[in-house]
């Protein structure tokens, strides 16, 4: 599980170590999409 916070640039990620390692790749892609303007910021 990962979620944005109200603080710009701060994300919360939770779960077991294996889940965090797997999901961190998708979180990185989402952050990159936001930075490049592909995905809207909330």
Protein backbone atom coordinates (compact mmCIF):
# COMPACT_ATOMS: atom_id res chain seq x y z
CA UNK A 1 0.00 0.00 0.00
CA UNK A 2 1.29 3.45 -0.81
CA UNK A 3 -0.35 6.85 -0.72
CA UNK A 4 0.48 10.48 -1.23
CA UNK A 5 0.39 12.82 1.74
CA UNK A 6 -0.54 16.48 1.84
CA UNK A 7 3.17 17.31 2.16
CA UNK A 8 4.61 17.72 -1.37
CA UNK A 9 7.07 14.95 -2.23
CA UNK A 10 6.21 12.80 0.80
CA UNK A 11 4.75 9.34 0.22
CA UNK A 12 3.70 6.67 2.70
CA UNK A 13 4.38 3.01 1.90
CA UNK A 14 3.45 0.11 4.17
CA UNK A 15 3.53 -3.66 4.08
CA UNK A 16 6.01 -6.44 4.48
CA UNK A 17 9.52 -6.06 3.09
CA UNK A 18 8.69 -8.27 0.09
CA UNK A 19 5.58 -6.23 -0.73
CA UNK A 20 7.45 -2.94 -0.39
CA UNK A 21 10.23 -4.14 -2.71
CA UNK A 22 7.74 -5.26 -5.37
CA UNK A 23 5.46 -2.21 -5.15
CA UNK A 24 8.29 0.34 -5.01
CA UNK A 25 8.81 -0.14 -8.76
CA UNK A 26 5.20 0.87 -9.46
CA UNK A 27 5.42 3.77 -7.04
CA UNK A 28 8.55 5.01 -8.83
CA UNK A 29 6.74 4.84 -12.17
CA UNK A 30 3.81 6.79 -10.75
CA UNK A 31 6.11 9.48 -9.31
CA UNK A 32 7.95 9.74 -12.65
CA UNK A 33 4.62 10.12 -14.49
CA UNK A 34 3.62 12.93 -12.13
CA UNK A 35 6.96 14.70 -12.58
CA UNK A 36 6.70 14.47 -16.38
CA UNK A 37 3.11 15.75 -16.39
CA UNK A 38 1.59 12.50 -17.68
CA UNK A 39 -0.38 11.88 -14.48
CA UNK A 40 -2.22 14.73 -12.73
CA UNK A 41 -1.25 15.72 -9.21
CA UNK A 42 -3.98 15.49 -6.63
